[in-house]
Amino acid sequence: MNRLDAWPRSLRWAVFLPAGIVAVLIVDGVLANVFYAIGLSRSPQSTAGVTAAALRAFPWGLTLTFVPAILSPRPWAVGLVMFVIGLIIRVSPVVSMMTVPYQRERLPDVAVAFAVIIGAHVAGAGVGLYLIRRLAGAQHSKGAAA
């Protein structure tokens, strides 16, 4: 039994999303400041900018998927929902660029950057789902053994 099991179920449902969002903002803010301090470019057309964005997207996806799921009463369902929400957030700029005519012309210039950043997010969120599955399986096997 972990410490979260002692919390009332309603409190866990009320806390998981705000706590997860705060965790994502903290992780992303710290990484953004670190990359700014070491001088990585923010331009999506440069290799350094794409690298910095991908290095921020991986832990962003991991944190967005893992933290709310672990705090919620239903980890696997919340993890899948947060995975989809994160993917929508990452894909929406591409869809926006495709629908606006003058932005559509810029899309080939930034397509590789978007692909790398979305791929890093999916990898991070996938690791988060894997960790959720492992943790939920470990707790399920502890409950069955007890």
C-alpha atoms as a PDB file:
ATOM      1  CA  MET A   1       0.000   0.000   0.000  1.00  0.00           C
ATOM      2  CA  ASN A   2       1.447   3.342  -0.989  1.00  0.00           C
ATOM      3  CA  ARG A   3       0.792   6.737   0.556  1.00  0.00           C
ATOM      4  CA  LEU A   4      -1.670   7.754  -2.140  1.00  0.00           C
ATOM      5  CA  ASP A   5      -3.967   4.872  -1.206  1.00  0.00           C
ATOM      6  CA  ALA A   6      -4.547   6.591   2.133  1.00  0.00           C
ATOM      7  CA  TRP A   7      -5.963   9.680   0.373  1.00  0.00           C
ATOM      8  CA  PRO A   8      -9.721   9.835  -0.134  1.00  0.00           C
ATOM      9  CA  ARG A   9     -10.674   8.888  -3.697  1.00  0.00           C
ATOM     10  CA  SER A  10     -12.433  12.216  -4.294  1.00  0.00           C
ATOM     11  CA  LEU A  11      -9.310  14.133  -3.257  1.00  0.00           C
ATOM     12  CA  ARG A  12      -7.203  12.126  -5.693  1.00  0.00           C
ATOM     13  CA  TRP A  13      -9.643  12.931  -8.509  1.00  0.00           C
ATOM     14  CA  ALA A  14      -9.532  16.631  -7.588  1.00  0.00           C
ATOM     15  CA  VAL A  15      -5.729  16.864  -7.316  1.00  0.00           C
ATOM     16  CA  PHE A  16      -4.339  14.753 -10.151  1.00  0.00           C
ATOM     17  CA  LEU A  17      -4.823  17.170 -13.060  1.00  0.00           C
ATOM     18  CA  PRO A  18      -3.653  20.433 -11.419  1.00  0.00           C
ATOM     19  CA  ALA A  19      -0.663  18.661  -9.859  1.00  0.00           C
ATOM     20  CA  GLY A  20       0.235  17.098 -13.197  1.00  0.00           C
ATOM     21  CA  ILE A  21       0.021  20.424 -15.007  1.00  0.00           C
ATOM     22  CA  VAL A  22       2.158  22.123 -12.355  1.00  0.00           C
ATOM     23  CA  ALA A  23       4.751  19.342 -12.680  1.00  0.00           C
ATOM     24  CA  VAL A  24       4.841  19.763 -16.477  1.00  0.00           C
ATOM     25  CA  LEU A  25       5.268  23.533 -16.170  1.00  0.00           C
ATOM     26  CA  ILE A  26       8.090  23.142 -13.665  1.00  0.00           C
ATOM     27  CA  VAL A  27       9.957  20.580 -15.763  1.00  0.00           C
ATOM     28  CA  ASP A  28       9.516  22.590 -18.967  1.00  0.00           C
ATOM     29  CA  GLY A  29      10.502  25.871 -17.304  1.00  0.00           C
ATOM     30  CA  VAL A  30      13.635  24.405 -15.771  1.00  0.00           C
ATOM     31  CA  LEU A  31      14.708  22.836 -19.069  1.00  0.00           C
ATOM     32  CA  ALA A  32      13.950  26.017 -21.031  1.00  0.00           C
ATOM     33  CA  ASN A  33      16.115  28.047 -18.662  1.00  0.00           C
ATOM     34  CA  VAL A  34      18.931  25.495 -18.760  1.00  0.00           C
ATOM     35  CA  PHE A  35      18.936  25.450 -22.571  1.00  0.00           C
ATOM     36  CA  TYR A  36      18.781  29.241 -22.663  1.00  0.00           C
ATOM     37  CA  ALA A  37      21.706  29.430 -20.226  1.00  0.00           C
ATOM     38  CA  ILE A  38      23.882  27.125 -22.318  1.00  0.00           C
ATOM     39  CA  GLY A  39      22.966  29.017 -25.473  1.00  0.00           C
ATOM     40  CA  LEU A  40      20.834  26.618 -27.503  1.00  0.00           C
ATOM     41  CA  SER A  41      18.937  28.467 -30.204  1.00  0.00           C
ATOM     42  CA  ARG A  42      15.153  28.766 -30.084  1.00  0.00           C
ATOM     43  CA  SER A  43      14.720  28.852 -33.857  1.00  0.00           C
ATOM     44  CA  PRO A  44      12.984  25.792 -35.327  1.00  0.00           C
ATOM     45  CA  GLN A  45      15.059  26.192 -38.493  1.00  0.00           C
ATOM     46  CA  SER A  46      18.372  25.554 -36.714  1.00  0.00           C
ATOM     47  CA  THR A  47      19.689  22.208 -35.575  1.00  0.00           C
ATOM     48  CA  ALA A  48      20.282  23.538 -32.071  1.00  0.00           C
ATOM     49  CA  GLY A  49      16.712  24.843 -31.873  1.00  0.00           C
ATOM     50  CA  VAL A  50      15.227  21.529 -32.981  1.00  0.00           C
ATOM     51  CA  THR A  51      17.495  19.688 -30.540  1.00  0.00           C
ATOM     52  CA  ALA A  52      16.451  21.925 -27.654  1.00  0.00           C
ATOM     53  CA  ALA A  53      12.760  21.579 -28.542  1.00  0.00           C
ATOM     54  CA  ALA A  54      13.034  17.796 -28.807  1.00  0.00           C
ATOM     55  CA  LEU A  55      14.954  17.584 -25.529  1.00  0.00           C
ATOM     56  CA  ARG A  56      12.149  19.575 -23.900  1.00  0.00           C
ATOM     57  CA  ALA A  57       9.382  17.561 -25.607  1.00  0.00           C
ATOM     58  CA  PHE A  58      10.546  14.184 -24.250  1.00  0.00           C
ATOM     59  CA  PRO A  59      10.319  15.021 -20.521  1.00  0.00           C
ATOM     60  CA  TRP A  60       7.236  17.146 -21.193  1.00  0.00           C
ATOM     61  CA  GLY A  61       5.444  14.124 -22.657  1.00  0.00           C
ATOM     62  CA  LEU A  62       6.744  11.839 -19.914  1.00  0.00           C
ATOM     63  CA  THR A  63       5.663  14.196 -17.133  1.00  0.00           C
ATOM     64  CA  LEU A  64       2.293  15.017 -18.710  1.00  0.00           C
ATOM     65  CA  THR A  65       1.456  11.334 -19.037  1.00  0.00           C
ATOM     66  CA  PHE A  66       3.010   9.907 -15.873  1.00  0.00           C
ATOM     67  CA  VAL A  67       2.404  12.384 -13.034  1.00  0.00           C
ATOM     68  CA  PRO A  68      -1.379  12.859 -13.366  1.00  0.00           C
ATOM     69  CA  ALA A  69      -1.859   9.139 -13.936  1.00  0.00           C
ATOM     70  CA  ILE A  70       0.057   8.131 -10.820  1.00  0.00           C
ATOM     71  CA  LEU A  71      -1.897  10.609  -8.701  1.00  0.00           C
ATOM     72  CA  SER A  72      -5.290   9.537 -10.037  1.00  0.00           C
ATOM     73  CA  PRO A  73      -7.343   6.570  -8.840  1.00  0.00           C
ATOM     74  CA  ARG A  74      -7.348   5.070 -12.376  1.00  0.00           C
ATOM     75  CA  PRO A  75      -3.760   5.366 -13.623  1.00  0.00           C
ATOM     76  CA  TRP A  76      -3.971   3.539 -16.940  1.00  0.00           C
ATOM     77  CA  ALA A  77      -7.106   5.353 -18.183  1.00  0.00           C
ATOM     78  CA  VAL A  78      -5.788   8.759 -17.127  1.00  0.00           C
ATOM     79  CA  GLY A  79      -2.398   7.986 -18.702  1.00  0.00           C
ATOM     80  CA  LEU A  80      -4.018   7.193 -22.054  1.00  0.00           C
ATOM     81  CA  VAL A  81      -6.168  10.322 -21.934  1.00  0.00           C
ATOM     82  CA  MET A  82      -3.169  12.506 -21.066  1.00  0.00           C
ATOM     83  CA  PHE A  83      -1.158  10.857 -23.869  1.00  0.00           C
ATOM     84  CA  VAL A  84      -3.878  11.814 -26.363  1.00  0.00           C
ATOM     85  CA  ILE A  85      -4.190  15.350 -24.963  1.00  0.00           C
ATOM     86  CA  GLY A  86      -0.424  15.850 -25.213  1.00  0.00           C
ATOM     87  CA  LEU A  87      -0.393  14.533 -28.771  1.00  0.00           C
ATOM     88  CA  ILE A  88      -3.196  16.913 -29.740  1.00  0.00           C
ATOM     89  CA  ILE A  89      -1.262  19.809 -28.205  1.00  0.00           C
ATOM     90  CA  ARG A  90       1.864  18.858 -30.181  1.00  0.00           C
ATOM     91  CA  VAL A  91       0.066  18.248 -33.497  1.00  0.00           C
ATOM     92  CA  SER A  92      -2.204  21.310 -33.402  1.00  0.00           C
ATOM     93  CA  PRO A  93       0.438  23.758 -34.744  1.00  0.00           C
ATOM     94  CA  VAL A  94       0.895  21.532 -37.802  1.00  0.00           C
ATOM     95  CA  VAL A  95      -2.854  21.412 -38.422  1.00  0.00           C
ATOM     96  CA  SER A  96      -3.034  25.165 -37.955  1.00  0.00           C
ATOM     97  CA  MET A  97      -0.269  25.717 -40.486  1.00  0.00           C
ATOM     98  CA  MET A  98      -2.030  23.431 -42.978  1.00  0.00           C
ATOM     99  CA  THR A  99      -5.309  25.346 -42.759  1.00  0.00           C
ATOM    100  CA  VAL A 100      -3.923  28.881 -43.138  1.00  0.00           C
ATOM    101  CA  PRO A 101      -2.889  29.544 -46.770  1.00  0.00           C
ATOM    102  CA  TYR A 102       0.102  31.836 -46.104  1.00  0.00           C
ATOM    103  CA  GLN A 103       1.408  29.496 -43.388  1.00  0.00           C
ATOM    104  CA  ARG A 104       1.085  26.458 -45.649  1.00  0.00           C
ATOM    105  CA  GLU A 105       4.005  27.785 -47.702  1.00  0.00           C
ATOM    106  CA  ARG A 106       6.274  27.641 -44.616  1.00  0.00           C
ATOM    107  CA  LEU A 107       5.302  24.082 -43.718  1.00  0.00           C
ATOM    108  CA  PRO A 108       8.035  22.321 -45.765  1.00  0.00           C
ATOM    109  CA  ASP A 109      10.682  24.434 -43.991  1.00  0.00           C
ATOM    110  CA  VAL A 110       9.605  23.330 -40.527  1.00  0.00           C
ATOM    111  CA  ALA A 111       8.226  19.850 -41.282  1.00  0.00           C
ATOM    112  CA  VAL A 112      11.369  18.051 -40.112  1.00  0.00           C
ATOM    113  CA  ALA A 113      11.429  20.093 -36.920  1.00  0.00           C
ATOM    114  CA  PHE A 114       7.795  19.262 -36.210  1.00  0.00           C
ATOM    115  CA  ALA A 115       8.398  15.571 -36.932  1.00  0.00           C
ATOM    116  CA  VAL A 116      11.373  15.418 -34.554  1.00  0.00           C
ATOM    117  CA  ILE A 117       9.571  17.308 -31.781  1.00  0.00           C
ATOM    118  CA  ILE A 118       6.369  15.255 -32.096  1.00  0.00           C
ATOM    119  CA  GLY A 119       8.440  12.056 -32.212  1.00  0.00           C
ATOM    120  CA  ALA A 120      10.287  13.053 -29.033  1.00  0.00           C
ATOM    121  CA  HIS A 121       6.975  13.796 -27.333  1.00  0.00           C
ATOM    122  CA  VAL A 122       5.509  10.435 -28.373  1.00  0.00           C
ATOM    123  CA  ALA A 123       8.646   8.664 -27.132  1.00  0.00           C
ATOM    124  CA  GLY A 124       8.478  10.439 -23.762  1.00  0.00           C
ATOM    125  CA  ALA A 125       4.763   9.815 -23.365  1.00  0.00           C
ATOM    126  CA  GLY A 126       5.288   6.199 -24.414  1.00  0.00           C
ATOM    127  CA  VAL A 127       7.875   5.778 -21.670  1.00  0.00           C
ATOM    128  CA  GLY A 128       5.343   7.313 -19.281  1.00  0.00           C
ATOM    129  CA  LEU A 129       2.684   4.804 -20.346  1.00  0.00           C
ATOM    130  CA  TYR A 130       5.188   1.970 -19.945  1.00  0.00           C
ATOM    131  CA  LEU A 131       6.054   3.133 -16.428  1.00  0.00           C
ATOM    132  CA  ILE A 132       2.372   3.437 -15.550  1.00  0.00           C
ATOM    133  CA  ARG A 133       1.743  -0.080 -16.808  1.00  0.00           C
ATOM    134  CA  ARG A 134       4.703  -1.455 -14.859  1.00  0.00           C
ATOM    135  CA  LEU A 135       3.691   0.369 -11.680  1.00  0.00           C
ATOM    136  CA  ALA A 136       0.026  -0.639 -11.997  1.00  0.00           C
ATOM    137  CA  GLY A 137       1.071  -4.249 -12.655  1.00  0.00           C
ATOM    138  CA  ALA A 138       3.404  -4.245  -9.648  1.00  0.00           C
ATOM    139  CA  GLN A 139       0.676  -2.880  -7.379  1.00  0.00           C
ATOM    140  CA  HIS A 140      -1.851  -5.322  -8.784  1.00  0.00           C
ATOM    141  CA  SER A 141       0.454  -8.277  -8.102  1.00  0.00           C
ATOM    142  CA  LYS A 142       1.093  -6.979  -4.536  1.00  0.00           C
ATOM    143  CA  GLY A 143      -2.659  -6.790  -3.955  1.00  0.00           C
ATOM    144  CA  ALA A 144      -3.179 -10.319  -5.257  1.00  0.00           C
ATOM    145  CA  ALA A 145      -0.382 -11.698  -3.067  1.00  0.00           C
ATOM    146  CA  ALA A 146      -1.720 -10.047   0.087  1.00  0.00           C
END
